[in-house]
Amino acid sequence: MCTVGGGPDIGNIEALVAKDYECLDCKSKFKGMGRRPMCPSCQSRNVKAA
């Protein structure tokens, strides 16, 4: 892939920072990224920022 004038636009870089979350289903605590993080233990999207 060839780019002219810089690399690809990845959007808002602050959105890519990992944040702490807790799964409301299995109570697992993990770091996640993105708009809809998923629990790595049970694959639930029922999470809250810790």
N, C-alpha and C. Protein backbone atom coordinates (compact mmCIF):
# COMPACT_ATOMS: atom_id res chain seq x y z
N MET A 1 0.85 -1.17 0.00
CA MET A 1 0.00 0.00 0.00
C MET A 1 0.89 1.24 0.00
N CYS A 2 0.59 2.16 -0.86
CA CYS A 2 1.36 3.39 -0.96
C CYS A 2 0.54 4.55 -0.42
N THR A 3 1.17 5.37 0.41
CA THR A 3 0.49 6.56 0.91
C THR A 3 1.32 7.78 0.56
N VAL A 4 0.66 8.84 0.22
CA VAL A 4 1.33 10.09 -0.10
C VAL A 4 0.91 11.12 0.93
N GLY A 5 1.86 11.77 1.56
CA GLY A 5 1.53 12.81 2.52
C GLY A 5 1.28 12.30 3.92
N GLY A 6 1.73 11.12 4.25
CA GLY A 6 1.56 10.61 5.60
C GLY A 6 0.85 9.27 5.62
N GLY A 7 0.71 8.75 6.82
CA GLY A 7 0.06 7.45 6.99
C GLY A 7 -1.45 7.56 7.00
N PRO A 8 -2.11 6.46 7.27
CA PRO A 8 -3.57 6.45 7.29
C PRO A 8 -4.11 7.25 8.47
N ASP A 9 -5.29 7.80 8.29
CA ASP A 9 -5.94 8.57 9.35
C ASP A 9 -6.57 7.59 10.32
N ILE A 10 -6.08 7.57 11.58
CA ILE A 10 -6.63 6.64 12.57
C ILE A 10 -7.63 7.31 13.48
N GLY A 11 -7.94 8.57 13.23
CA GLY A 11 -8.95 9.25 14.04
C GLY A 11 -8.38 9.79 15.33
N ASN A 12 -9.21 9.87 16.33
CA ASN A 12 -8.86 10.45 17.62
C ASN A 12 -7.95 9.49 18.39
N ILE A 13 -6.72 9.87 18.59
CA ILE A 13 -5.73 9.00 19.23
C ILE A 13 -6.08 8.72 20.69
N GLU A 14 -6.78 9.63 21.39
CA GLU A 14 -7.16 9.41 22.78
C GLU A 14 -8.13 8.23 22.90
N ALA A 15 -8.90 7.95 21.87
CA ALA A 15 -9.84 6.84 21.91
C ALA A 15 -9.12 5.49 21.89
N LEU A 16 -7.83 5.48 21.55
CA LEU A 16 -7.07 4.23 21.46
C LEU A 16 -6.37 3.85 22.77
N VAL A 17 -6.51 4.66 23.79
CA VAL A 17 -5.87 4.39 25.07
C VAL A 17 -6.68 3.34 25.82
N ALA A 18 -6.00 2.33 26.35
CA ALA A 18 -6.68 1.27 27.11
C ALA A 18 -7.19 1.84 28.43
N LYS A 19 -8.41 1.45 28.79
CA LYS A 19 -9.03 1.89 30.04
C LYS A 19 -9.40 0.67 30.88
N ASP A 20 -9.56 0.88 32.17
CA ASP A 20 -9.95 -0.20 33.07
C ASP A 20 -11.46 -0.40 33.02
N TYR A 21 -11.88 -1.65 32.92
CA TYR A 21 -13.29 -2.02 32.87
C TYR A 21 -13.57 -3.16 33.83
N GLU A 22 -14.84 -3.30 34.21
CA GLU A 22 -15.29 -4.43 35.00
C GLU A 22 -16.51 -5.02 34.31
N CYS A 23 -16.52 -6.33 34.15
CA CYS A 23 -17.65 -7.03 33.55
C CYS A 23 -18.77 -7.14 34.59
N LEU A 24 -19.97 -6.74 34.20
CA LEU A 24 -21.11 -6.81 35.12
C LEU A 24 -21.70 -8.21 35.19
N ASP A 25 -21.29 -9.10 34.29
CA ASP A 25 -21.80 -10.48 34.30
C ASP A 25 -20.91 -11.41 35.12
N CYS A 26 -19.60 -11.41 34.85
CA CYS A 26 -18.71 -12.36 35.55
C CYS A 26 -17.79 -11.66 36.56
N LYS A 27 -17.86 -10.34 36.67
CA LYS A 27 -17.07 -9.55 37.63
C LYS A 27 -15.58 -9.52 37.33
N SER A 28 -15.19 -9.92 36.14
CA SER A 28 -13.78 -9.88 35.74
C SER A 28 -13.37 -8.43 35.52
N LYS A 29 -12.12 -8.10 35.87
CA LYS A 29 -11.57 -6.77 35.64
C LYS A 29 -10.52 -6.88 34.55
N PHE A 30 -10.54 -5.93 33.61
CA PHE A 30 -9.64 -6.01 32.48
C PHE A 30 -9.42 -4.62 31.89
N LYS A 31 -8.44 -4.51 31.01
CA LYS A 31 -8.21 -3.28 30.26
C LYS A 31 -8.81 -3.48 28.88
N GLY A 32 -9.49 -2.46 28.39
CA GLY A 32 -10.12 -2.56 27.09
C GLY A 32 -9.99 -1.26 26.31
N MET A 33 -10.26 -1.36 25.01
CA MET A 33 -10.19 -0.19 24.14
C MET A 33 -11.41 -0.19 23.23
N GLY A 34 -11.70 0.98 22.71
CA GLY A 34 -12.78 1.10 21.74
C GLY A 34 -14.08 1.55 22.37
N ARG A 35 -15.08 1.67 21.53
CA ARG A 35 -16.39 2.15 21.98
C ARG A 35 -17.18 1.09 22.71
N ARG A 36 -17.02 -0.17 22.32
CA ARG A 36 -17.77 -1.26 22.95
C ARG A 36 -16.82 -2.39 23.34
N PRO A 37 -16.10 -2.23 24.46
CA PRO A 37 -15.16 -3.28 24.85
C PRO A 37 -15.89 -4.57 25.23
N MET A 38 -15.21 -5.69 25.07
CA MET A 38 -15.77 -7.00 25.37
C MET A 38 -14.93 -7.69 26.43
N CYS A 39 -15.59 -8.32 27.39
CA CYS A 39 -14.90 -9.04 28.46
C CYS A 39 -14.12 -10.21 27.86
N PRO A 40 -12.83 -10.32 28.15
CA PRO A 40 -12.04 -11.43 27.61
C PRO A 40 -12.39 -12.78 28.24
N SER A 41 -13.01 -12.77 29.42
CA SER A 41 -13.34 -14.03 30.10
C SER A 41 -14.62 -14.67 29.59
N CYS A 42 -15.69 -13.83 29.45
CA CYS A 42 -17.00 -14.41 29.08
C CYS A 42 -17.56 -13.84 27.79
N GLN A 43 -16.83 -12.94 27.12
CA GLN A 43 -17.22 -12.32 25.87
C GLN A 43 -18.49 -11.46 25.97
N SER A 44 -18.83 -11.02 27.16
CA SER A 44 -19.98 -10.14 27.35
C SER A 44 -19.60 -8.70 27.02
N ARG A 45 -20.55 -7.95 26.54
CA ARG A 45 -20.35 -6.52 26.33
C ARG A 45 -21.02 -5.71 27.43
N ASN A 46 -21.50 -6.38 28.46
CA ASN A 46 -22.14 -5.76 29.60
C ASN A 46 -21.05 -5.35 30.60
N VAL A 47 -20.33 -4.26 30.26
CA VAL A 47 -19.19 -3.83 31.07
C VAL A 47 -19.37 -2.37 31.47
N LYS A 48 -18.65 -1.98 32.52
CA LYS A 48 -18.64 -0.57 32.94
C LYS A 48 -17.21 -0.15 33.17
N ALA A 49 -16.96 1.15 32.98
CA ALA A 49 -15.63 1.70 33.26
C ALA A 49 -15.39 1.66 34.75
N ALA A 50 -14.22 1.19 35.13
CA ALA A 50 -13.89 1.08 36.56
C ALA A 50 -13.19 2.32 37.06
